[in-house]
Amino acid sequence: MEGILLVDKTAGPTSHDVVARLRRVLGTREMGHAGTLDPQATGLLVLAVGRATRWLPYLPTAKSYRATLRLGLSTDTEDIWGAALPPDDGPAPLPDAAAVRRALEGLTRLKTQVPPMVSAVKRDGRRLYELAREGLSVERAGRPVRVDAVRVLAVRGADADFEVDCGPGTYVRTLCVEAGRSLGQQACMAALRRLACGGFTLERALPEERWTPEALAAGLLGSASALGHLPERALDAAEAEAVGHGRPVGIGGAALAATWRLTREGRLLAFAQEGPDGSLRPTRVFAETHAPV
């Protein structure tokens, strides 16, 4: 059993809890994910089952979320589930809706972001959230981020609902804090739902009530569906034999891409990159694979 599995996580369990539960349901230990969700966040969780865990580095990295900005509140976790922090000054009057929209839409100009203390980023070999649990706060360097688009859905007093398309490693709760800072306001995130991840959308995700062995097995996406964004080079028997030994094959097409998938009769045999001589050089070979298509 292998493939990509899309599930709709509810609020409460951690991503690890979901993985542990589905491992038991499917009777497999080999399962990974394409990015965690915080316990109180909901939405799309992309899981890889069996040998498909090796596909994870080749999935697209862009993500989309729907979130709620809450003005007038600051917490130690940058979301409403953390402990409230005292205000620096007296409460500031709420900005008008137009100003809130401008602040959120202006996040697309952001190039770097300082990760929050409650995050899985490592510092000297330890996760920041581990240090935070000990009451420690350490200096964090800004990291490159990409915010492709922000769509403001509604401004409701101290709350603003918006959707954001962003690159990997972008913390939406920190985006909320940054939008508040540009408005001269304390701010945090009040809700988060992932809409898309790794080229997949929430519409295809299985809700919790359908997490049965039969529904999960039927919902597995094979390599053709999960990796359809990569150009395919179909191999004949001799080429498949060569690739199995790590030897390059001719490109056999006009597409230019960083990574190709090499297949034989619909089975994924390897990932490859174009070499300087125009050949496709295997970078990861699957000696035996029977991926569904």
Protein backbone atom coordinates (compact mmCIF):
# COMPACT_ATOMS: atom_id res chain seq x y z
CA MET A 1 0.00 0.00 0.00
CA GLU A 2 1.46 3.32 -1.05
CA GLY A 3 0.35 6.73 -2.23
CA ILE A 4 -0.59 10.20 -1.08
CA LEU A 5 -3.49 10.54 1.34
CA LEU A 6 -5.43 13.76 1.90
CA VAL A 7 -7.30 14.19 5.18
CA ASP A 8 -9.18 17.06 6.82
CA LYS A 9 -7.78 17.53 10.33
CA THR A 10 -10.07 18.75 13.08
CA ALA A 11 -9.08 21.10 15.90
CA GLY A 12 -7.46 19.43 18.91
CA PRO A 13 -5.16 16.60 17.84
CA THR A 14 -1.60 17.24 16.77
CA SER A 15 -0.46 16.22 13.30
CA HIS A 16 1.52 13.43 15.00
CA ASP A 17 -1.70 12.22 16.66
CA VAL A 18 -3.39 12.01 13.25
CA VAL A 19 -0.46 10.10 11.76
CA ALA A 20 -0.41 7.68 14.71
CA ARG A 21 -4.14 7.05 14.39
CA LEU A 22 -4.03 6.44 10.63
CA ARG A 23 -1.03 4.15 10.99
CA ARG A 24 -3.18 1.98 13.23
CA VAL A 25 -6.17 2.11 10.89
CA LEU A 26 -4.12 1.17 7.82
CA GLY A 27 -1.82 -1.23 9.67
CA THR A 28 1.42 0.40 8.52
CA ARG A 29 4.32 2.15 10.22
CA GLU A 30 5.58 3.83 7.05
CA MET A 31 3.78 7.16 6.93
CA GLY A 32 4.92 10.78 6.79
CA HIS A 33 3.44 14.19 6.14
CA ALA A 34 4.13 17.25 3.97
CA GLY A 35 3.97 19.80 6.78
CA THR A 36 2.40 19.87 10.25
CA LEU A 37 -0.63 21.78 11.43
CA ASP A 38 -0.82 23.25 14.94
CA PRO A 39 -3.24 21.37 17.24
CA GLN A 40 -5.95 24.06 17.05
CA ALA A 41 -5.58 24.51 13.29
CA THR A 42 -7.83 22.57 10.93
CA GLY A 43 -7.80 21.62 7.28
CA LEU A 44 -5.67 19.79 4.78
CA LEU A 45 -3.01 17.39 5.99
CA VAL A 46 -1.05 15.70 3.20
CA LEU A 47 0.19 12.25 4.20
CA ALA A 48 2.45 9.84 2.36
CA VAL A 49 1.92 6.11 2.87
CA GLY A 50 4.46 3.37 2.24
CA ARG A 51 7.19 4.11 -0.28
CA ALA A 52 5.38 7.31 -1.19
CA THR A 53 7.18 8.87 1.79
CA ARG A 54 10.07 9.17 -0.68
CA TRP A 55 7.92 11.37 -2.89
CA LEU A 56 7.54 14.09 -0.27
CA PRO A 57 10.62 16.15 -1.27
CA TYR A 58 9.26 16.32 -4.83
CA LEU A 59 5.85 17.76 -4.02
CA PRO A 60 5.20 21.49 -4.61
CA THR A 61 5.85 23.56 -1.49
CA ALA A 62 3.25 26.33 -1.79
CA LYS A 63 0.44 26.45 0.78
CA SER A 64 -2.84 28.35 1.15
CA TYR A 65 -4.68 29.17 4.38
CA ARG A 66 -7.79 30.90 5.65
CA ALA A 67 -7.10 32.75 8.88
CA THR A 68 -8.55 35.31 11.27
CA LEU A 69 -6.57 38.27 12.57
CA ARG A 70 -7.51 39.46 16.08
CA LEU A 71 -6.50 43.01 16.98
CA GLY A 72 -6.02 44.25 20.53
CA LEU A 73 -4.60 41.00 21.93
CA SER A 74 -1.03 39.74 22.14
CA THR A 75 -0.05 36.28 23.43
CA ASP A 76 3.12 34.30 24.04
CA THR A 77 2.26 31.92 21.17
CA GLU A 78 1.01 34.60 18.74
CA ASP A 79 -2.44 32.96 18.66
CA ILE A 80 -5.49 33.11 20.93
CA TRP A 81 -4.61 29.79 22.59
CA GLY A 82 -1.55 31.23 24.30
CA ALA A 83 -1.22 33.27 27.49
CA ALA A 84 -2.17 36.94 27.08
CA LEU A 85 0.70 39.42 27.34
CA PRO A 86 0.27 42.81 29.03
CA PRO A 87 -0.17 45.73 26.62
CA ASP A 88 2.79 48.05 26.10
CA ASP A 89 0.53 51.08 26.49
CA GLY A 90 -3.16 51.67 26.94
CA PRO A 91 -5.57 50.08 24.45
CA ALA A 92 -5.31 51.68 21.01
CA PRO A 93 -8.48 52.56 19.11
CA LEU A 94 -9.30 50.07 16.37
CA PRO A 95 -8.32 51.14 12.85
CA ASP A 96 -10.95 51.37 10.16
CA ALA A 97 -11.61 48.49 7.76
CA ALA A 98 -9.70 50.10 4.90
CA ALA A 99 -6.54 50.37 7.01
CA VAL A 100 -6.84 46.75 8.09
CA ARG A 101 -7.19 45.66 4.46
CA ARG A 102 -4.11 47.64 3.47
CA ALA A 103 -2.08 46.14 6.32
CA LEU A 104 -3.00 42.59 5.38
CA GLU A 105 -2.53 43.06 1.64
CA GLY A 106 0.81 44.73 2.34
CA LEU A 107 2.13 41.44 3.71
CA THR A 108 2.95 40.45 0.12
CA ARG A 109 5.93 42.83 0.38
CA LEU A 110 7.38 40.76 3.22
CA LYS A 111 10.71 39.10 2.37
CA THR A 112 11.89 37.82 5.76
CA GLN A 113 10.18 36.66 8.94
CA VAL A 114 11.40 35.97 12.47
CA PRO A 115 9.98 32.58 13.53
CA PRO A 116 7.98 32.55 16.76
CA MET A 117 9.40 31.02 19.92
CA VAL A 118 6.65 28.40 19.86
CA SER A 119 7.82 26.75 16.65
CA ALA A 120 9.77 23.69 15.52
CA VAL A 121 12.73 25.74 14.29
CA LYS A 122 15.99 24.51 15.86
CA ARG A 123 18.47 26.62 17.80
CA ASP A 124 21.70 24.91 18.91
CA GLY A 125 20.11 21.51 18.30
CA ARG A 126 16.92 22.19 20.28
CA ARG A 127 13.44 23.11 19.08
CA LEU A 128 12.37 26.62 19.94
CA TYR A 129 9.15 25.37 21.50
CA GLU A 130 11.21 23.26 23.92
CA LEU A 131 13.05 26.37 25.06
CA ALA A 132 9.76 28.28 25.30
CA ARG A 133 8.36 25.62 27.63
CA GLU A 134 11.28 26.31 29.94
CA GLY A 135 10.42 29.99 29.96
CA LEU A 136 13.34 30.92 27.72
CA SER A 137 13.31 33.38 24.85
CA VAL A 138 16.30 33.48 22.51
CA GLU A 139 17.35 35.73 19.68
CA ARG A 140 16.08 34.46 16.33
CA ALA A 141 17.37 35.45 12.94
CA GLY A 142 14.95 36.38 10.18
CA ARG A 143 14.41 33.76 7.49
CA PRO A 144 13.41 34.28 3.86
CA VAL A 145 9.68 33.84 3.25
CA ARG A 146 7.35 34.35 0.33
CA VAL A 147 3.80 35.70 0.56
CA ASP A 148 2.30 35.43 -2.91
CA ALA A 149 -1.21 36.80 -2.31
CA VAL A 150 -3.53 37.98 0.45
CA ARG A 151 -7.32 38.16 -0.03
CA VAL A 152 -9.24 39.97 2.70
CA LEU A 153 -12.66 38.36 3.09
CA ALA A 154 -14.20 40.46 5.86
CA VAL A 155 -13.35 42.96 8.58
CA ARG A 156 -15.54 42.55 11.67
CA GLY A 157 -14.57 44.97 14.41
CA ALA A 158 -11.38 43.60 15.98
CA ASP A 159 -11.36 40.56 13.68
CA ALA A 160 -10.43 40.25 10.02
CA ASP A 161 -10.81 37.10 7.94
CA PHE A 162 -8.35 36.60 5.11
CA GLU A 163 -6.80 34.00 2.84
CA VAL A 164 -3.08 33.82 2.14
CA ASP A 165 -0.99 31.97 -0.43
CA CYS A 166 2.58 31.54 0.79
CA GLY A 167 5.77 29.57 0.47
CA PRO A 168 7.15 26.98 2.91
CA GLY A 169 8.23 28.03 6.38
CA THR A 170 5.82 30.97 6.58
CA TYR A 171 4.06 31.33 9.95
CA VAL A 172 0.56 32.75 9.48
CA ARG A 173 0.29 33.68 13.16
CA THR A 174 3.42 35.77 12.77
CA LEU A 175 1.87 37.39 9.70
CA CYS A 176 -1.02 38.43 11.94
CA VAL A 177 1.39 39.95 14.46
CA GLU A 178 3.20 41.80 11.68
CA ALA A 179 -0.04 43.17 10.24
CA GLY A 180 -1.00 44.40 13.70
CA ARG A 181 2.39 45.98 14.19
CA SER A 182 1.98 47.98 10.97
CA LEU A 183 -1.31 49.27 12.41
CA GLY A 184 0.21 50.14 15.80
CA GLN A 185 -1.84 47.37 17.38
CA GLN A 186 -1.30 44.28 19.44
CA ALA A 187 -2.44 41.32 17.36
CA CYS A 188 -2.57 37.56 17.15
CA MET A 189 -4.19 34.82 15.10
CA ALA A 190 -7.68 33.69 16.10
CA ALA A 191 -8.29 30.86 13.60
CA LEU A 192 -6.42 28.90 10.94
CA ARG A 193 -7.54 26.45 8.28
CA ARG A 194 -5.26 25.05 5.59
CA LEU A 195 -6.90 25.09 2.17
CA ALA A 196 -4.11 23.76 -0.05
CA CYS A 197 -0.70 22.15 0.33
CA GLY A 198 1.77 20.54 -2.01
CA GLY A 199 -0.45 21.00 -5.04
CA PHE A 200 -3.49 19.42 -3.34
CA THR A 201 -6.69 21.11 -2.16
CA LEU A 202 -9.01 20.61 0.77
CA GLU A 203 -11.92 19.62 -1.48
CA ARG A 204 -10.38 16.19 -2.01
CA ALA A 205 -9.56 15.56 1.67
CA LEU A 206 -11.32 12.86 3.70
CA PRO A 207 -13.15 14.12 6.81
CA GLU A 208 -12.59 12.32 10.11
CA GLU A 209 -15.86 10.36 9.93
CA ARG A 210 -14.54 8.63 6.80
CA TRP A 211 -11.24 7.48 8.25
CA THR A 212 -12.00 3.81 7.71
CA PRO A 213 -9.58 1.29 6.16
CA GLU A 214 -11.72 1.02 3.04
CA ALA A 215 -12.17 4.77 2.47
CA LEU A 216 -8.54 5.57 3.21
CA ALA A 217 -7.25 2.85 0.89
CA ALA A 218 -9.60 4.01 -1.86
CA GLY A 219 -8.46 7.61 -1.34
CA LEU A 220 -4.77 6.92 -1.95
CA LEU A 221 -3.40 8.92 -4.86
CA GLY A 222 -0.82 7.18 -7.02
CA SER A 223 2.26 8.69 -8.58
CA ALA A 224 0.51 9.87 -11.73
CA SER A 225 -1.94 11.94 -9.68
CA ALA A 226 0.40 13.06 -6.92
CA LEU A 227 3.36 13.88 -9.15
CA GLY A 228 1.56 15.03 -12.27
CA HIS A 229 3.27 18.43 -12.03
CA LEU A 230 6.54 16.73 -13.01
CA PRO A 231 7.18 15.83 -16.66
CA GLU A 232 7.14 12.10 -17.32
CA ARG A 233 9.59 10.06 -19.34
CA ALA A 234 8.19 6.63 -20.16
CA LEU A 235 10.92 4.00 -20.46
CA ASP A 236 11.19 0.85 -22.51
CA ALA A 237 12.50 -2.35 -20.96
CA ALA A 238 16.16 -1.68 -21.77
CA GLU A 239 15.97 1.89 -20.45
CA ALA A 240 14.25 0.71 -17.28
CA GLU A 241 17.08 -1.76 -16.73
CA ALA A 242 19.64 1.02 -17.19
CA VAL A 243 17.86 3.35 -14.79
CA GLY A 244 17.64 0.55 -12.23
CA HIS A 245 21.44 0.58 -12.20
CA GLY A 246 21.59 4.37 -11.94
CA ARG A 247 22.55 4.97 -15.57
CA PRO A 248 21.19 7.98 -17.50
CA VAL A 249 18.74 7.84 -20.40
CA GLY A 250 17.94 10.24 -23.21
CA ILE A 251 15.59 13.07 -22.39
CA GLY A 252 13.07 12.02 -25.02
CA GLY A 253 11.10 15.26 -24.97
CA ALA A 254 11.26 19.01 -25.18
CA ALA A 255 10.14 19.92 -21.67
CA LEU A 256 12.66 21.64 -19.43
CA ALA A 257 12.31 20.94 -15.72
CA ALA A 258 14.46 20.55 -12.64
CA THR A 259 13.05 17.10 -11.91
CA TRP A 260 11.49 14.39 -14.05
CA ARG A 261 9.73 11.17 -13.15
CA LEU A 262 10.80 8.03 -14.99
CA THR A 263 8.11 5.38 -15.43
CA ARG A 264 7.71 1.96 -16.94
CA GLU A 265 4.17 0.84 -17.84
CA GLY A 266 2.74 3.36 -15.40
CA ARG A 267 5.04 2.39 -12.50
CA LEU A 268 7.29 5.05 -11.00
CA LEU A 269 10.88 3.84 -11.31
CA ALA A 270 12.95 6.89 -10.47
CA PHE A 271 13.28 10.65 -10.18
CA ALA A 272 15.85 12.22 -12.47
CA GLN A 273 17.47 15.53 -13.32
CA GLU A 274 18.68 16.74 -16.66
CA GLY A 275 22.44 16.46 -16.99
CA PRO A 276 24.73 18.89 -18.80
CA ASP A 277 24.70 16.61 -21.86
CA GLY A 278 20.90 16.71 -22.08
CA SER A 279 20.41 13.22 -20.62
CA LEU A 280 18.25 12.37 -17.62
CA ARG A 281 20.33 11.23 -14.68
CA PRO A 282 18.52 9.26 -11.94
CA THR A 283 18.69 10.93 -8.53
CA ARG A 284 16.46 8.50 -6.63
CA VAL A 285 15.74 5.01 -7.89
CA PHE A 286 12.98 2.68 -6.69
CA ALA A 287 14.25 -0.84 -7.24
CA GLU A 288 10.80 -2.30 -6.75
CA THR A 289 7.67 -0.21 -6.82
CA HIS A 290 4.07 -0.93 -7.61
CA ALA A 291 2.60 2.54 -7.19
CA PRO A 292 -1.07 2.89 -8.19
CA VAL A 293 -1.69 5.16 -11.15
